[in-house]
Amino acid sequence: MRARETSIFMRPLLKWAGGKRQLLPALRRHYPASFDRYIEPFVGSGAVFFDLFAAGHLEGRPVRLVDLNADLIGCYRAVRDQTEAVIAALAGLEDEHRARGSACYYEVRDGRFNPARVGRVPPSRPGGATACTPDLAAMFIYLNRTGFNGLFRLNRHGAFNVPVGRYAAPRICDAAHVRSVARALSSDGVSLECMPFEHALADGRRGDFIYCDPPYAPLSRTSSFAHYTAEGFGAPDHSRLQAAVVAAARRGATVLMSNSSAPDIVAAYGGPAARSAGLTLEYVPARRAINSQATRRGPVNELIITNAPARDLSNVTTHMLRARGPRGAKGRRQKSNVA
């Protein structure tokens, strides 16, 4: 089936560090025209999955949505399987937040959410089940909508520790949106799996379309944010990921990946092993949204790493500027009807 171009966008359920909403127009240029199966080893907010789903590109195809974050997968499973119960619990949290604001946030975070996670979030292991009740899933969504920058961060002891955000009137319970997300996640062929990225990538083969959005390598020592799990995601993890991505590409899978333009990443994916697997680098300017100082948020170069040739999407307008290379992003901003 030939993919059709579209500006339809289905909004993800969650905010997520490094979410790909603004990068979608650049990523769409590398969506393959046809593929047999879709795999996301770092699903996060699922922006690319929802984009593909809304455009009809996933119809009749198996889909593997994978993440090592057990809270995240547990929340998605609860939304898929117990939609109305999650909505009811989320509506109750919205009422509480309107009445008590930040005091409600910290009481939910420290008095309910973290204690409820004990014994329900399993040790990281392939295929580990995530026992998540509708109440726990609703708290996860609530904290995501009202916490600082929508971050999910765990301390070294595995406790969620993001402070409250500064939102005047956050929209916490959007029942219609939750139901639309549930419909997408419950579509035939869609699976939600909690496991390390290696296990998902090791299964990649010819006919597969794999999109990887790992925790970004830091551009500086002070810009690192990778504690989506208590163990974090550091240089050794990026090295293992590079080897797994190169191996999948060599087996014939179509690979699309986004990452920072940190020197180590440029060297890893611009080196001989990656080039021999057909991987190329494209610099794309994007806006840095996560920094404790607002003045340090701004345009930076990100990388698109892929073995899929770029297609002409001139009929789709875009927020993105087209970068010339690692030293600067030059171009003109175009109007867009893409959310």
Protein backbone atom coordinates (compact mmCIF):
# COMPACT_ATOMS: atom_id res chain seq x y z
CA MET A 1 0.00 0.00 0.00
CA ARG A 2 1.45 3.39 -0.95
CA ALA A 3 1.57 5.82 2.00
CA ARG A 4 -0.52 8.91 1.45
CA GLU A 5 0.68 12.33 2.57
CA THR A 6 -1.45 14.10 5.13
CA SER A 7 -1.43 16.89 7.66
CA ILE A 8 -3.70 14.96 10.03
CA PHE A 9 -2.22 14.84 13.51
CA MET A 10 -3.37 12.78 16.47
CA ARG A 11 -2.17 14.33 19.72
CA PRO A 12 -0.26 12.03 22.08
CA LEU A 13 -1.74 11.34 25.49
CA LEU A 14 1.38 12.44 27.38
CA LYS A 15 4.01 15.14 27.34
CA TRP A 16 7.44 13.57 27.15
CA ALA A 17 11.00 14.80 27.29
CA GLY A 18 12.20 15.00 23.70
CA GLY A 19 8.72 14.36 22.30
CA LYS A 20 8.76 14.50 18.52
CA ARG A 21 5.76 16.70 17.78
CA GLN A 22 7.86 19.56 16.35
CA LEU A 23 10.15 17.19 14.45
CA LEU A 24 7.36 15.28 12.70
CA PRO A 25 7.47 17.19 9.38
CA ALA A 26 11.16 16.33 9.00
CA LEU A 27 10.65 12.72 10.08
CA ARG A 28 7.75 12.24 7.65
CA ARG A 29 10.16 12.75 4.74
CA HIS A 30 11.73 9.41 5.69
CA TYR A 31 8.61 7.32 6.32
CA PRO A 32 8.88 4.38 3.91
CA ALA A 33 6.21 4.17 1.22
CA SER A 34 5.53 0.56 2.21
CA PHE A 35 6.48 -1.76 5.05
CA ASP A 36 5.20 -4.91 6.73
CA ARG A 37 5.59 -4.17 10.44
CA TYR A 38 6.24 -1.13 12.67
CA ILE A 39 8.48 -1.23 15.77
CA GLU A 40 9.21 1.54 18.31
CA PRO A 41 11.77 0.48 20.95
CA PHE A 42 11.43 3.81 22.87
CA VAL A 43 7.77 4.66 22.52
CA GLY A 44 7.63 7.56 25.02
CA SER A 45 4.75 9.83 24.03
CA GLY A 46 4.31 7.82 20.83
CA ALA A 47 4.16 10.93 18.61
CA VAL A 48 5.39 9.05 15.54
CA PHE A 49 3.08 6.08 16.22
CA PHE A 50 0.05 8.38 16.53
CA ASP A 51 1.13 10.28 13.41
CA LEU A 52 1.38 7.06 11.40
CA PHE A 53 -1.88 5.78 12.86
CA ALA A 54 -3.81 8.97 12.04
CA ALA A 55 -2.52 8.89 8.47
CA GLY A 56 -3.67 5.28 8.02
CA HIS A 57 -0.14 3.97 7.46
CA LEU A 58 -0.50 1.24 10.10
CA GLU A 59 -3.72 -0.33 8.84
CA GLY A 60 -3.39 -4.10 8.67
CA ARG A 61 0.18 -4.07 9.97
CA PRO A 62 1.54 -5.52 13.23
CA VAL A 63 2.82 -2.81 15.58
CA ARG A 64 5.20 -3.29 18.51
CA LEU A 65 5.30 -0.38 20.97
CA VAL A 66 8.14 -1.01 23.41
CA ASP A 67 9.63 0.88 26.34
CA LEU A 68 11.64 -0.05 29.42
CA ASN A 69 9.66 2.46 31.50
CA ALA A 70 7.23 0.18 33.33
CA ASP A 71 5.09 3.11 34.55
CA LEU A 72 4.58 4.28 30.99
CA ILE A 73 3.65 0.90 29.55
CA GLY A 74 1.41 0.21 32.54
CA CYS A 75 -0.42 3.49 31.99
CA TYR A 76 -0.96 2.77 28.30
CA ARG A 77 -2.25 -0.71 29.06
CA ALA A 78 -4.71 0.63 31.63
CA VAL A 79 -5.94 3.30 29.20
CA ARG A 80 -6.38 0.62 26.54
CA ASP A 81 -8.08 -1.98 28.76
CA GLN A 82 -9.95 0.09 31.38
CA THR A 83 -10.59 3.35 29.58
CA GLU A 84 -13.69 4.56 31.41
CA ALA A 85 -12.26 3.75 34.85
CA VAL A 86 -9.13 5.77 34.04
CA ILE A 87 -11.27 8.68 32.84
CA ALA A 88 -13.36 8.61 36.03
CA ALA A 89 -10.26 8.62 38.25
CA LEU A 90 -8.67 11.40 36.19
CA ALA A 91 -11.81 13.54 36.45
CA GLY A 92 -11.65 13.20 40.23
CA LEU A 93 -8.01 14.32 40.25
CA GLU A 94 -8.89 17.31 38.09
CA ASP A 95 -11.52 18.39 40.63
CA GLU A 96 -9.01 17.99 43.45
CA HIS A 97 -6.36 19.98 41.63
CA ARG A 98 -8.75 22.84 40.92
CA ALA A 99 -9.56 23.00 44.62
CA ARG A 100 -6.03 22.66 46.06
CA GLY A 101 -3.48 23.30 43.30
CA SER A 102 0.14 22.52 44.11
CA ALA A 103 -0.75 21.07 47.51
CA CYS A 104 -2.79 18.43 45.69
CA TYR A 105 0.12 17.71 43.34
CA TYR A 106 2.58 16.94 46.13
CA GLU A 107 0.05 14.95 48.12
CA VAL A 108 -0.69 12.80 45.05
CA ARG A 109 2.98 12.44 44.14
CA ASP A 110 4.32 11.57 47.60
CA GLY A 111 1.28 10.23 49.41
CA ARG A 112 -0.40 8.19 46.69
CA PHE A 113 1.56 7.67 43.46
CA ASN A 114 4.98 6.66 44.79
CA PRO A 115 3.57 4.39 47.53
CA ALA A 116 1.16 2.77 45.05
CA ARG A 117 4.03 1.97 42.68
CA VAL A 118 5.81 -0.17 45.29
CA GLY A 119 5.39 -3.81 44.32
CA ARG A 120 3.59 -2.92 41.09
CA VAL A 121 6.54 -1.72 39.00
CA PRO A 122 8.68 -4.82 38.37
CA PRO A 123 12.44 -4.98 38.03
CA SER A 124 13.52 -4.29 34.47
CA ARG A 125 13.41 -7.56 32.61
CA PRO A 126 12.37 -8.69 29.14
CA GLY A 127 8.59 -8.92 28.91
CA GLY A 128 8.13 -7.78 32.52
CA ALA A 129 4.45 -7.24 33.26
CA THR A 130 3.37 -3.87 34.65
CA ALA A 131 0.52 -4.12 37.13
CA CYS A 132 -1.18 -0.73 36.82
CA THR A 133 -4.64 0.03 38.19
CA PRO A 134 -6.88 2.70 36.65
CA ASP A 135 -6.19 4.91 39.70
CA LEU A 136 -2.42 4.56 39.25
CA ALA A 137 -2.68 5.29 35.51
CA ALA A 138 -4.81 8.36 36.22
CA MET A 139 -2.23 9.62 38.72
CA PHE A 140 0.51 9.09 36.13
CA ILE A 141 -1.42 11.21 33.60
CA TYR A 142 -2.29 13.84 36.22
CA LEU A 143 1.34 14.25 37.32
CA ASN A 144 2.39 14.41 33.67
CA ARG A 145 -0.10 17.18 32.92
CA THR A 146 0.68 19.26 36.01
CA GLY A 147 4.37 18.54 36.72
CA PHE A 148 7.29 20.70 35.61
CA ASN A 149 7.57 20.58 31.79
CA GLY A 150 5.67 17.28 31.78
CA LEU A 151 8.83 15.44 32.78
CA PHE A 152 9.04 11.88 34.02
CA ARG A 153 12.10 11.58 36.26
CA LEU A 154 13.07 9.05 38.89
CA ASN A 155 15.66 9.47 41.62
CA ARG A 156 18.29 6.83 42.40
CA HIS A 157 15.81 5.03 44.64
CA GLY A 158 13.26 4.78 41.83
CA ALA A 159 10.83 7.39 43.22
CA PHE A 160 9.15 9.94 40.95
CA ASN A 161 10.47 13.36 42.04
CA VAL A 162 9.43 15.98 39.46
CA PRO A 163 8.26 19.26 41.07
CA VAL A 164 4.93 20.88 40.26
CA GLY A 165 4.75 23.00 37.12
CA ARG A 166 3.55 26.56 36.76
CA TYR A 167 0.27 26.17 34.94
CA ALA A 168 -2.67 28.49 35.57
CA ALA A 169 -5.40 26.09 34.43
CA PRO A 170 -4.00 22.80 33.07
CA ARG A 171 -6.42 20.58 31.16
CA ILE A 172 -6.19 17.33 33.08
CA CYS A 173 -9.13 15.19 31.98
CA ASP A 174 -9.97 15.26 28.28
CA ALA A 175 -12.24 12.24 28.07
CA ALA A 176 -12.64 12.31 24.28
CA HIS A 177 -8.89 12.42 23.82
CA VAL A 178 -8.29 9.53 26.23
CA ARG A 179 -10.86 7.46 24.33
CA SER A 180 -9.22 8.23 20.97
CA VAL A 181 -5.84 7.14 22.37
CA ALA A 182 -7.43 3.96 23.73
CA ARG A 183 -8.88 3.17 20.30
CA ALA A 184 -5.46 3.53 18.69
CA LEU A 185 -3.76 1.35 21.31
CA SER A 186 -6.44 -1.32 21.09
CA SER A 187 -6.29 -1.58 17.29
CA ASP A 188 -5.69 -5.03 15.82
CA GLY A 189 -2.03 -5.92 15.81
CA VAL A 190 -0.84 -3.29 18.31
CA SER A 191 1.15 -4.67 21.25
CA LEU A 192 2.52 -2.82 24.30
CA GLU A 193 5.70 -4.38 25.66
CA CYS A 194 7.96 -3.52 28.60
CA MET A 195 11.49 -4.60 27.74
CA PRO A 196 14.98 -3.29 26.87
CA PHE A 197 15.50 -1.81 23.44
CA GLU A 198 17.91 -4.59 22.41
CA HIS A 199 15.13 -7.18 22.48
CA ALA A 200 12.93 -5.14 20.16
CA LEU A 201 15.76 -4.26 17.77
CA ALA A 202 17.09 -7.82 17.66
CA ASP A 203 13.78 -8.84 16.09
CA GLY A 204 14.05 -6.24 13.32
CA ARG A 205 14.33 -7.62 9.80
CA ARG A 206 13.63 -6.85 6.15
CA GLY A 207 10.14 -5.40 5.74
CA ASP A 208 10.17 -3.74 9.18
CA PHE A 209 10.03 0.01 9.78
CA ILE A 210 11.80 0.86 13.04
CA TYR A 211 11.70 4.30 14.65
CA CYS A 212 14.07 4.94 17.57
CA ASP A 213 13.76 7.95 19.85
CA PRO A 214 16.16 7.22 22.73
CA PRO A 215 17.00 9.58 25.60
CA TYR A 216 19.21 12.10 23.87
CA ALA A 217 22.96 12.18 24.43
CA PRO A 218 23.77 15.45 26.26
CA LEU A 219 25.25 18.32 24.30
CA SER A 220 27.11 19.38 27.45
CA ARG A 221 27.85 18.05 30.92
CA THR A 222 25.06 20.21 32.37
CA SER A 223 22.36 19.34 29.84
CA SER A 224 21.95 15.63 30.55
CA PHE A 225 18.48 14.31 31.27
CA ALA A 226 18.13 10.56 31.01
CA HIS A 227 16.52 9.31 34.22
CA TYR A 228 13.38 7.83 32.70
CA THR A 229 14.30 4.79 34.75
CA ALA A 230 16.26 4.75 38.00
CA GLU A 231 19.31 3.43 36.11
CA GLY A 232 19.40 6.29 33.61
CA PHE A 233 20.70 6.11 30.03
CA GLY A 234 24.37 6.87 29.57
CA ALA A 235 27.25 6.50 27.12
CA PRO A 236 27.42 2.68 27.36
CA ASP A 237 23.69 2.49 26.56
CA HIS A 238 24.18 4.69 23.49
CA SER A 239 27.01 2.42 22.35
CA ARG A 240 24.81 -0.67 22.71
CA LEU A 241 22.02 1.12 20.86
CA GLN A 242 24.32 2.05 17.99
CA ALA A 243 25.40 -1.57 17.57
CA ALA A 244 21.77 -2.79 17.65
CA VAL A 245 20.61 -0.15 15.14
CA VAL A 246 23.47 -0.94 12.74
CA ALA A 247 22.71 -4.68 13.01
CA ALA A 248 19.01 -4.13 12.27
CA ALA A 249 19.86 -1.99 9.25
CA ARG A 250 22.22 -4.68 7.97
CA ARG A 251 19.42 -7.24 8.24
CA GLY A 252 17.37 -5.09 5.89
CA ALA A 253 15.10 -3.18 8.28
CA THR A 254 14.22 0.42 7.45
CA VAL A 255 15.58 2.44 10.36
CA LEU A 256 14.71 6.00 11.35
CA MET A 257 16.24 7.51 14.48
CA SER A 258 16.40 10.91 16.14
CA ASN A 259 19.11 12.00 18.56
CA SER A 260 21.11 15.01 19.62
CA SER A 261 24.01 16.30 17.57
CA ALA A 262 26.47 15.55 20.39
CA PRO A 263 29.96 14.80 19.01
CA ASP A 264 29.88 11.19 20.24
CA ILE A 265 26.61 10.55 18.39
CA VAL A 266 27.87 12.16 15.19
CA ALA A 267 31.02 10.01 15.38
CA ALA A 268 29.10 6.81 16.13
CA TYR A 269 26.54 7.14 13.34
CA GLY A 270 28.83 8.86 10.86
CA GLY A 271 31.55 6.23 11.18
CA PRO A 272 32.41 3.31 8.90
CA ALA A 273 30.16 0.71 10.57
CA ALA A 274 27.07 2.89 10.29
CA ARG A 275 27.88 4.03 6.77
CA SER A 276 28.39 0.46 5.63
CA ALA A 277 24.88 -0.34 6.89
CA GLY A 278 23.50 2.47 4.72
CA LEU A 279 22.89 4.95 7.55
CA THR A 280 23.17 8.67 6.83
CA LEU A 281 22.98 11.80 8.99
CA GLU A 282 20.70 14.79 8.50
CA TYR A 283 20.89 17.89 10.69
CA VAL A 284 17.56 19.44 11.60
CA PRO A 285 17.09 22.50 13.83
CA ALA A 286 14.63 22.08 16.67
CA ARG A 287 13.79 23.92 19.84
CA ARG A 288 15.27 22.78 23.13
CA ALA A 289 12.36 22.70 25.60
CA ILE A 290 14.03 21.27 28.71
CA ASN A 291 16.29 23.50 30.74
CA SER A 292 15.92 24.86 34.25
CA GLN A 293 16.72 28.32 32.81
CA ALA A 294 14.25 29.52 30.21
CA THR A 295 16.91 31.68 28.54
CA ARG A 296 18.84 28.52 27.62
CA ARG A 297 15.92 26.99 25.75
CA GLY A 298 16.15 27.65 22.05
CA PRO A 299 17.10 26.29 18.65
CA VAL A 300 19.65 23.50 18.50
CA ASN A 301 20.61 21.02 15.82
CA GLU A 302 19.17 17.53 16.17
CA LEU A 303 20.10 14.52 14.09
CA ILE A 304 17.96 12.29 11.94
CA ILE A 305 19.79 9.01 11.35
CA THR A 306 18.31 6.75 8.71
CA ASN A 307 18.79 4.38 5.81
CA ALA A 308 15.53 5.57 4.23
CA PRO A 309 15.91 8.10 1.40
CA ALA A 310 14.13 11.40 1.85
CA ARG A 311 10.93 11.78 -0.14
CA ASP A 312 9.55 15.02 -1.58
CA LEU A 313 6.77 16.27 0.71
CA SER A 314 6.57 19.71 -0.85
CA ASN A 315 2.78 19.58 -0.57
CA VAL A 316 3.02 19.34 3.22
CA THR A 317 3.90 22.62 4.96
CA THR A 318 6.19 22.47 7.95
CA HIS A 319 7.33 24.24 11.09
CA MET A 320 10.85 22.98 10.57
CA LEU A 321 13.77 24.84 9.03
CA ARG A 322 16.13 22.80 6.87
CA ALA A 323 19.63 22.78 8.26
CA ARG A 324 22.77 23.00 6.17
CA GLY A 325 25.00 21.22 8.65
CA PRO A 326 26.32 21.07 12.18
CA ARG A 327 27.57 24.66 12.32
CA GLY A 328 24.29 26.40 11.87
CA ALA A 329 20.69 26.20 10.79
CA LYS A 330 19.76 28.45 7.95
CA GLY A 331 16.57 28.65 6.02
CA ARG A 332 13.19 30.27 6.20
CA ARG A 333 10.24 29.43 8.40
CA GLN A 334 7.11 28.36 6.57
CA LYS A 335 3.55 28.58 7.67
CA SER A 336 2.07 25.34 8.86
CA ASN A 337 -1.24 23.68 9.51
CA VAL A 338 0.51 20.78 11.25
CA ALA A 339 -0.06 20.82 15.01
